[in-house]
């Protein structure tokens, strides 16, 4: 299988899912973008979104429907002394 990455770094979820429990930038079928993460467990993997308290929601609302994702960018000054 050939991984599809667009010019802007988006990765198709059909090609590869992000690492578990790590926040990524998500793009859904309606074009909405948001910070989310994928959760794995005793169920099929599903995307969630942060609730604002540092934890992911434990629900997957219909609007999530992620089609593409990409790693979050580092903030200014990250990795610099």
PDB file of N, CA and C in Angstrom:
ATOM      1  N   UNK A   1       0.841  -1.168   0.000  1.00  0.00           N
ATOM      2  CA  UNK A   1       0.000   0.000   0.000  1.00  0.00           C
ATOM      3  C   UNK A   1       0.894   1.242   0.000  1.00  0.00           C
ATOM      4  N   UNK A   2       0.543   2.207  -0.814  1.00  0.00           N
ATOM      5  CA  UNK A   2       1.275   3.455  -0.878  1.00  0.00           C
ATOM      6  C   UNK A   2       0.582   4.484  -0.011  1.00  0.00           C
ATOM      7  N   UNK A   3       1.318   5.104   0.896  1.00  0.00           N
ATOM      8  CA  UNK A   3       0.735   6.102   1.784  1.00  0.00           C
ATOM      9  C   UNK A   3       0.490   7.385   1.011  1.00  0.00           C
ATOM     10  N   UNK A   4      -0.671   7.974   1.232  1.00  0.00           N
ATOM     11  CA  UNK A   4      -1.026   9.219   0.568  1.00  0.00           C
ATOM     12  C   UNK A   4      -0.834  10.373   1.532  1.00  0.00           C
ATOM     13  N   UNK A   5       0.122  11.237   1.242  1.00  0.00           N
ATOM     14  CA  UNK A   5       0.336  12.445   2.017  1.00  0.00           C
ATOM     15  C   UNK A   5       0.204  13.610   1.051  1.00  0.00           C
ATOM     16  N   UNK A   6      -0.624  14.585   1.406  1.00  0.00           N
ATOM     17  CA  UNK A   6      -0.823  15.722   0.516  1.00  0.00           C
ATOM     18  C   UNK A   6       0.334  16.697   0.645  1.00  0.00           C
ATOM     19  N   UNK A   7       0.313  17.742  -0.185  1.00  0.00           N
ATOM     20  CA  UNK A   7       1.351  18.771  -0.153  1.00  0.00           C
ATOM     21  C   UNK A   7       1.432  19.460   1.204  1.00  0.00           C
ATOM     22  N   UNK A   8       0.353  19.446   1.943  1.00  0.00           N
ATOM     23  CA  UNK A   8       0.325  20.134   3.229  1.00  0.00           C
ATOM     24  C   UNK A   8       0.557  19.187   4.405  1.00  0.00           C
ATOM     25  N   UNK A   9       0.981  17.975   4.130  1.00  0.00           N
ATOM     26  CA  UNK A   9       1.326  17.036   5.188  1.00  0.00           C
ATOM     27  C   UNK A   9       0.176  16.216   5.738  1.00  0.00           C
ATOM     28  N   UNK A  10      -1.016  16.300   5.137  1.00  0.00           N
ATOM     29  CA  UNK A  10      -2.155  15.521   5.605  1.00  0.00           C
ATOM     30  C   UNK A  10      -1.970  14.051   5.250  1.00  0.00           C
ATOM     31  N   UNK A  11      -2.283  13.168   6.184  1.00  0.00           N
ATOM     32  CA  UNK A  11      -2.178  11.727   5.978  1.00  0.00           C
ATOM     33  C   UNK A  11      -3.587  11.148   5.996  1.00  0.00           C
ATOM     34  N   UNK A  12      -3.921  10.384   4.990  1.00  0.00           N
ATOM     35  CA  UNK A  12      -5.237   9.771   4.883  1.00  0.00           C
ATOM     36  C   UNK A  12      -5.363   8.672   5.942  1.00  0.00           C
ATOM     37  N   UNK A  13      -6.476   8.660   6.691  1.00  0.00           N
ATOM     38  CA  UNK A  13      -6.652   7.646   7.731  1.00  0.00           C
ATOM     39  C   UNK A  13      -6.779   6.239   7.142  1.00  0.00           C
ATOM     40  N   UNK A  14      -7.116   6.152   5.857  1.00  0.00           N
ATOM     41  CA  UNK A  14      -7.181   4.839   5.208  1.00  0.00           C
ATOM     42  C   UNK A  14      -5.784   4.266   5.011  1.00  0.00           C
ATOM     43  N   UNK A  15      -4.772   5.145   4.984  1.00  0.00           N
ATOM     44  CA  UNK A  15      -3.395   4.705   4.787  1.00  0.00           C
ATOM     45  C   UNK A  15      -2.671   4.444   6.101  1.00  0.00           C
ATOM     46  N   UNK A  16      -2.886   5.315   7.073  1.00  0.00           N
ATOM     47  CA  UNK A  16      -2.175   5.169   8.360  1.00  0.00           C
ATOM     48  C   UNK A  16      -2.902   5.953   9.435  1.00  0.00           C
ATOM     49  N   UNK A  17      -3.014   5.356  10.608  1.00  0.00           N
ATOM     50  CA  UNK A  17      -3.586   6.040  11.766  1.00  0.00           C
ATOM     51  C   UNK A  17      -2.457   6.636  12.594  1.00  0.00           C
ATOM     52  N   UNK A  18      -2.733   7.699  13.350  1.00  0.00           N
ATOM     53  CA  UNK A  18      -1.685   8.299  14.175  1.00  0.00           C
ATOM     54  C   UNK A  18      -1.313   7.402  15.359  1.00  0.00           C
ATOM     55  N   UNK A  19      -0.218   7.736  16.029  1.00  0.00           N
ATOM     56  CA  UNK A  19       0.157   6.972  17.224  1.00  0.00           C
ATOM     57  C   UNK A  19      -0.956   7.085  18.277  1.00  0.00           C
ATOM     58  N   UNK A  20      -1.134   6.062  19.093  1.00  0.00           N
ATOM     59  CA  UNK A  20      -2.204   6.092  20.084  1.00  0.00           C
ATOM     60  C   UNK A  20      -1.999   7.176  21.137  1.00  0.00           C
ATOM     61  N   UNK A  21      -3.098   7.795  21.521  1.00  0.00           N
ATOM     62  CA  UNK A  21      -3.152   8.736  22.647  1.00  0.00           C
ATOM     63  C   UNK A  21      -2.192   9.914  22.518  1.00  0.00           C
ATOM     64  N   UNK A  22      -1.913  10.328  21.296  1.00  0.00           N
ATOM     65  CA  UNK A  22      -1.078  11.502  21.053  1.00  0.00           C
ATOM     66  C   UNK A  22      -1.893  12.489  20.225  1.00  0.00           C
ATOM     67  N   UNK A  23      -1.948  13.742  20.672  1.00  0.00           N
ATOM     68  CA  UNK A  23      -2.722  14.740  19.951  1.00  0.00           C
ATOM     69  C   UNK A  23      -2.164  14.985  18.559  1.00  0.00           C
ATOM     70  N   UNK A  24      -3.058  15.107  17.595  1.00  0.00           N
ATOM     71  CA  UNK A  24      -2.723  15.407  16.206  1.00  0.00           C
ATOM     72  C   UNK A  24      -3.724  16.440  15.703  1.00  0.00           C
ATOM     73  N   UNK A  25      -3.445  17.032  14.545  1.00  0.00           N
ATOM     74  CA  UNK A  25      -4.372  17.960  13.910  1.00  0.00           C
ATOM     75  C   UNK A  25      -5.248  17.133  12.981  1.00  0.00           C
ATOM     76  N   UNK A  26      -6.573  17.266  13.103  1.00  0.00           N
ATOM     77  CA  UNK A  26      -7.526  16.436  12.373  1.00  0.00           C
ATOM     78  C   UNK A  26      -8.307  17.251  11.344  1.00  0.00           C
ATOM     79  N   UNK A  27      -8.721  16.584  10.300  1.00  0.00           N
ATOM     80  CA  UNK A  27      -9.544  17.177   9.238  1.00  0.00           C
ATOM     81  C   UNK A  27     -10.702  16.217   9.006  1.00  0.00           C
ATOM     82  N   UNK A  28     -11.951  16.720   9.108  1.00  0.00           N
ATOM     83  CA  UNK A  28     -13.075  15.796   8.939  1.00  0.00           C
ATOM     84  C   UNK A  28     -13.728  15.947   7.574  1.00  0.00           C
ATOM     85  N   UNK A  29     -14.748  15.140   7.313  1.00  0.00           N
ATOM     86  CA  UNK A  29     -15.369  15.083   5.987  1.00  0.00           C
ATOM     87  C   UNK A  29     -16.034  16.384   5.573  1.00  0.00           C
ATOM     88  N   UNK A  30     -16.351  17.271   6.534  1.00  0.00           N
ATOM     89  CA  UNK A  30     -16.979  18.553   6.191  1.00  0.00           C
ATOM     90  C   UNK A  30     -15.959  19.674   6.044  1.00  0.00           C
ATOM     91  N   UNK A  31     -14.663  19.353   6.245  1.00  0.00           N
ATOM     92  CA  UNK A  31     -13.608  20.355   6.104  1.00  0.00           C
ATOM     93  C   UNK A  31     -13.248  21.056   7.397  1.00  0.00           C
ATOM     94  N   UNK A  32     -13.861  20.655   8.508  1.00  0.00           N
ATOM     95  CA  UNK A  32     -13.560  21.254   9.801  1.00  0.00           C
ATOM     96  C   UNK A  32     -12.250  20.692  10.328  1.00  0.00           C
ATOM     97  N   UNK A  33     -11.403  21.544  10.911  1.00  0.00           N
ATOM     98  CA  UNK A  33     -10.118  21.126  11.461  1.00  0.00           C
ATOM     99  C   UNK A  33     -10.121  21.330  12.974  1.00  0.00           C
ATOM    100  N   UNK A  34      -9.498  20.412  13.685  1.00  0.00           N
ATOM    101  CA  UNK A  34      -9.465  20.492  15.144  1.00  0.00           C
ATOM    102  C   UNK A  34      -8.351  19.604  15.685  1.00  0.00           C
ATOM    103  N   UNK A  35      -7.957  19.890  16.913  1.00  0.00           N
ATOM    104  CA  UNK A  35      -6.975  19.051  17.598  1.00  0.00           C
ATOM    105  C   UNK A  35      -7.707  17.854  18.186  1.00  0.00           C
ATOM    106  N   UNK A  36      -7.190  16.671  17.935  1.00  0.00           N
ATOM    107  CA  UNK A  36      -7.818  15.462  18.445  1.00  0.00           C
ATOM    108  C   UNK A  36      -6.777  14.385  18.659  1.00  0.00           C
ATOM    109  N   UNK A  37      -7.243  13.217  18.999  1.00  0.00           N
ATOM    110  CA  UNK A  37      -6.349  12.071  19.163  1.00  0.00           C
ATOM    111  C   UNK A  37      -7.122  10.801  18.874  1.00  0.00           C
ATOM    112  N   UNK A  38      -6.384   9.749  18.596  1.00  0.00           N
ATOM    113  CA  UNK A  38      -7.033   8.465  18.350  1.00  0.00           C
ATOM    114  C   UNK A  38      -6.834   7.593  19.581  1.00  0.00           C
ATOM    115  N   UNK A  39      -7.859   6.863  19.919  1.00  0.00           N
ATOM    116  CA  UNK A  39      -7.802   5.974  21.084  1.00  0.00           C
ATOM    117  C   UNK A  39      -7.979   4.540  20.609  1.00  0.00           C
ATOM    118  N   UNK A  40      -7.197   3.670  21.215  1.00  0.00           N
ATOM    119  CA  UNK A  40      -7.276   2.245  20.927  1.00  0.00           C
ATOM    120  C   UNK A  40      -7.659   1.545  22.225  1.00  0.00           C
ATOM    121  N   UNK A  41      -8.190   0.389  22.112  1.00  0.00           N
ATOM    122  CA  UNK A  41      -8.533  -0.378  23.303  1.00  0.00           C
ATOM    123  C   UNK A  41      -9.157  -1.690  22.873  1.00  0.00           C
ATOM    124  N   UNK A  42     -10.207  -2.062  23.572  1.00  0.00           N
ATOM    125  CA  UNK A  42     -10.904  -3.305  23.260  1.00  0.00           C
ATOM    126  C   UNK A  42     -11.942  -3.070  22.165  1.00  0.00           C
ATOM    127  N   UNK A  43     -11.849  -1.953  21.492  1.00  0.00           N
ATOM    128  CA  UNK A  43     -12.805  -1.569  20.465  1.00  0.00           C
ATOM    129  C   UNK A  43     -12.030  -1.127  19.229  1.00  0.00           C
ATOM    130  N   UNK A  44     -12.738  -0.830  18.186  1.00  0.00           N
ATOM    131  CA  UNK A  44     -12.086  -0.299  16.986  1.00  0.00           C
ATOM    132  C   UNK A  44     -11.515   1.077  17.311  1.00  0.00           C
ATOM    133  N   UNK A  45     -10.383   1.450  16.728  1.00  0.00           N
ATOM    134  CA  UNK A  45      -9.811   2.776  16.983  1.00  0.00           C
ATOM    135  C   UNK A  45     -10.822   3.872  16.634  1.00  0.00           C
ATOM    136  N   UNK A  46     -10.852   4.939  17.438  1.00  0.00           N
ATOM    137  CA  UNK A  46     -11.735   6.057  17.147  1.00  0.00           C
ATOM    138  C   UNK A  46     -11.079   7.357  17.571  1.00  0.00           C
ATOM    139  N   UNK A  47     -11.429   8.440  16.877  1.00  0.00           N
ATOM    140  CA  UNK A  47     -10.896   9.758  17.187  1.00  0.00           C
ATOM    141  C   UNK A  47     -11.732  10.415  18.274  1.00  0.00           C
ATOM    142  N   UNK A  48     -11.058  11.147  19.145  1.00  0.00           N
ATOM    143  CA  UNK A  48     -11.721  11.933  20.182  1.00  0.00           C
ATOM    144  C   UNK A  48     -11.151  13.348  20.113  1.00  0.00           C
ATOM    145  N   UNK A  49     -11.643  14.208  20.945  1.00  0.00           N
ATOM    146  CA  UNK A  49     -11.143  15.576  20.998  1.00  0.00           C
ATOM    147  C   UNK A  49     -10.911  15.960  22.447  1.00  0.00           C
ATOM    148  N   UNK A  50      -9.969  16.864  22.709  1.00  0.00           N
ATOM    149  CA  UNK A  50      -9.702  17.275  24.094  1.00  0.00           C
ATOM    150  C   UNK A  50     -10.897  18.005  24.685  1.00  0.00           C
ATOM    151  N   UNK A  51     -11.167  17.762  25.971  1.00  0.00           N
ATOM    152  CA  UNK A  51     -12.280  18.414  26.656  1.00  0.00           C
ATOM    153  C   UNK A  51     -11.868  19.746  27.252  1.00  0.00           C
ATOM    154  N   UNK A  52     -10.593  20.067  27.271  1.00  0.00           N
ATOM    155  CA  UNK A  52     -10.137  21.309  27.881  1.00  0.00           C
ATOM    156  C   UNK A  52      -9.450  21.077  29.222  1.00  0.00           C
ATOM    157  N   UNK A  53      -9.567  19.861  29.759  1.00  0.00           N
ATOM    158  CA  UNK A  53      -8.927  19.556  31.036  1.00  0.00           C
ATOM    159  C   UNK A  53      -7.716  18.646  30.845  1.00  0.00           C
ATOM    160  N   UNK A  54      -7.255  18.540  29.597  1.00  0.00           N
ATOM    161  CA  UNK A  54      -6.088  17.712  29.322  1.00  0.00           C
ATOM    162  C   UNK A  54      -6.418  16.275  28.986  1.00  0.00           C
ATOM    163  N   UNK A  55      -7.687  15.903  29.120  1.00  0.00           N
ATOM    164  CA  UNK A  55      -8.104  14.537  28.815  1.00  0.00           C
ATOM    165  C   UNK A  55      -8.973  14.521  27.571  1.00  0.00           C
ATOM    166  N   UNK A  56      -8.942  13.408  26.877  1.00  0.00           N
ATOM    167  CA  UNK A  56      -9.804  13.274  25.696  1.00  0.00           C
ATOM    168  C   UNK A  56     -11.226  12.962  26.142  1.00  0.00           C
ATOM    169  N   UNK A  57     -12.170  13.306  25.291  1.00  0.00           N
ATOM    170  CA  UNK A  57     -13.552  12.915  25.575  1.00  0.00           C
ATOM    171  C   UNK A  57     -13.645  11.401  25.459  1.00  0.00           C
ATOM    172  N   UNK A  58     -14.643  10.823  26.083  1.00  0.00           N
ATOM    173  CA  UNK A  58     -14.800   9.373  25.964  1.00  0.00           C
ATOM    174  C   UNK A  58     -15.930   9.039  24.998  1.00  0.00           C
ATOM    175  N   UNK A  59     -16.300  10.029  24.191  1.00  0.00           N
ATOM    176  CA  UNK A  59     -17.325   9.809  23.183  1.00  0.00           C
ATOM    177  C   UNK A  59     -16.764  10.199  21.827  1.00  0.00           C
ATOM    178  N   UNK A  60     -17.385   9.730  20.800  1.00  0.00           N
ATOM    179  CA  UNK A  60     -16.968  10.066  19.439  1.00  0.00           C
ATOM    180  C   UNK A  60     -18.190  10.610  18.700  1.00  0.00           C
ATOM    181  N   UNK A  61     -18.471  11.905  18.838  1.00  0.00           N
ATOM    182  CA  UNK A  61     -19.644  12.460  18.149  1.00  0.00           C
ATOM    183  C   UNK A  61     -19.552  12.266  16.641  1.00  0.00           C
ATOM    184  N   UNK A  62     -20.698  12.239  16.007  1.00  0.00           N
ATOM    185  CA  UNK A  62     -20.748  12.019  14.556  1.00  0.00           C
ATOM    186  C   UNK A  62     -19.923  13.026  13.777  1.00  0.00           C
ATOM    187  N   UNK A  63     -19.830  14.279  14.262  1.00  0.00           N
ATOM    188  CA  UNK A  63     -19.126  15.304  13.495  1.00  0.00           C
ATOM    189  C   UNK A  63     -17.636  15.052  13.407  1.00  0.00           C
ATOM    190  N   UNK A  64     -17.090  14.181  14.232  1.00  0.00           N
ATOM    191  CA  UNK A  64     -15.650  13.946  14.176  1.00  0.00           C
ATOM    192  C   UNK A  64     -15.273  13.357  12.817  1.00  0.00           C
ATOM    193  N   UNK A  65     -15.754  12.200  12.457  1.00  0.00           N
ATOM    194  CA  UNK A  65     -15.580  11.584  11.143  1.00  0.00           C
ATOM    195  C   UNK A  65     -14.301  12.033  10.421  1.00  0.00           C
ATOM    196  N   UNK A  66     -13.152  11.783  11.041  1.00  0.00           N
ATOM    197  CA  UNK A  66     -11.860  12.239  10.523  1.00  0.00           C
ATOM    198  C   UNK A  66     -11.485  11.485   9.245  1.00  0.00           C
ATOM    199  N   UNK A  67     -11.054  12.244   8.236  1.00  0.00           N
ATOM    200  CA  UNK A  67     -10.608  11.636   6.983  1.00  0.00           C
ATOM    201  C   UNK A  67      -9.094  11.732   6.826  1.00  0.00           C
ATOM    202  N   UNK A  68      -8.478  12.775   7.421  1.00  0.00           N
ATOM    203  CA  UNK A  68      -7.035  13.009   7.324  1.00  0.00           C
ATOM    204  C   UNK A  68      -6.524  13.557   8.651  1.00  0.00           C
ATOM    205  N   UNK A  69      -5.224  13.396   8.878  1.00  0.00           N
ATOM    206  CA  UNK A  69      -4.593  13.934  10.087  1.00  0.00           C
ATOM    207  C   UNK A  69      -3.164  14.318   9.761  1.00  0.00           C
ATOM    208  N   UNK A  70      -2.553  15.095  10.655  1.00  0.00           N
ATOM    209  CA  UNK A  70      -1.124  15.418  10.538  1.00  0.00           C
ATOM    210  C   UNK A  70      -0.593  15.732  11.927  1.00  0.00           C
ATOM    211  N   UNK A  71       0.706  15.545  12.130  1.00  0.00           N
ATOM    212  CA  UNK A  71       1.289  15.846  13.449  1.00  0.00           C
ATOM    213  C   UNK A  71       1.117  17.326  13.780  1.00  0.00           C
ATOM    214  N   UNK A  72       1.010  17.615  15.073  1.00  0.00           N
ATOM    215  CA  UNK A  72       0.956  19.007  15.517  1.00  0.00           C
ATOM    216  C   UNK A  72       2.310  19.664  15.291  1.00  0.00           C
ATOM    217  N   UNK A  73       2.296  20.923  14.972  1.00  0.00           N
ATOM    218  CA  UNK A  73       3.540  21.683  14.825  1.00  0.00           C
ATOM    219  C   UNK A  73       4.070  22.047  16.202  1.00  0.00           C
ATOM    220  N   UNK A  74       5.379  22.128  16.326  1.00  0.00           N
ATOM    221  CA  UNK A  74       5.969  22.578  17.581  1.00  0.00           C
ATOM    222  C   UNK A  74       5.781  24.080  17.697  1.00  0.00           C
ATOM    223  N   UNK A  75       5.615  24.560  18.915  1.00  0.00           N
ATOM    224  CA  UNK A  75       5.481  25.979  19.157  1.00  0.00           C
ATOM    225  C   UNK A  75       6.812  26.713  18.991  1.00  0.00           C
ATOM    226  N   UNK A  76       6.768  28.034  18.933  1.00  0.00           N
ATOM    227  CA  UNK A  76       8.013  28.801  18.795  1.00  0.00           C
ATOM    228  C   UNK A  76       8.951  28.534  19.964  1.00  0.00           C
ATOM    229  N   UNK A  77      10.221  28.395  19.656  1.00  0.00           N
ATOM    230  CA  UNK A  77      11.229  28.205  20.694  1.00  0.00           C
ATOM    231  C   UNK A  77      11.379  26.768  21.159  1.00  0.00           C
ATOM    232  N   UNK A  78      10.511  25.863  20.724  1.00  0.00           N
ATOM    233  CA  UNK A  78      10.642  24.461  21.127  1.00  0.00           C
ATOM    234  C   UNK A  78      11.926  23.884  20.559  1.00  0.00           C
ATOM    235  N   UNK A  79      12.674  23.192  21.368  1.00  0.00           N
ATOM    236  CA  UNK A  79      13.894  22.561  20.910  1.00  0.00           C
ATOM    237  C   UNK A  79      15.085  23.499  20.813  1.00  0.00           C
ATOM    238  N   UNK A  80      14.904  24.741  21.218  1.00  0.00           N
ATOM    239  CA  UNK A  80      16.008  25.703  21.192  1.00  0.00           C
ATOM    240  C   UNK A  80      16.448  25.999  22.613  1.00  0.00           C
ATOM    241  N   UNK A  81      17.706  26.257  22.795  1.00  0.00           N
ATOM    242  CA  UNK A  81      18.227  26.576  24.136  1.00  0.00           C
ATOM    243  C   UNK A  81      18.128  28.046  24.400  1.00  0.00           C
TER     244      UNK A  81
END
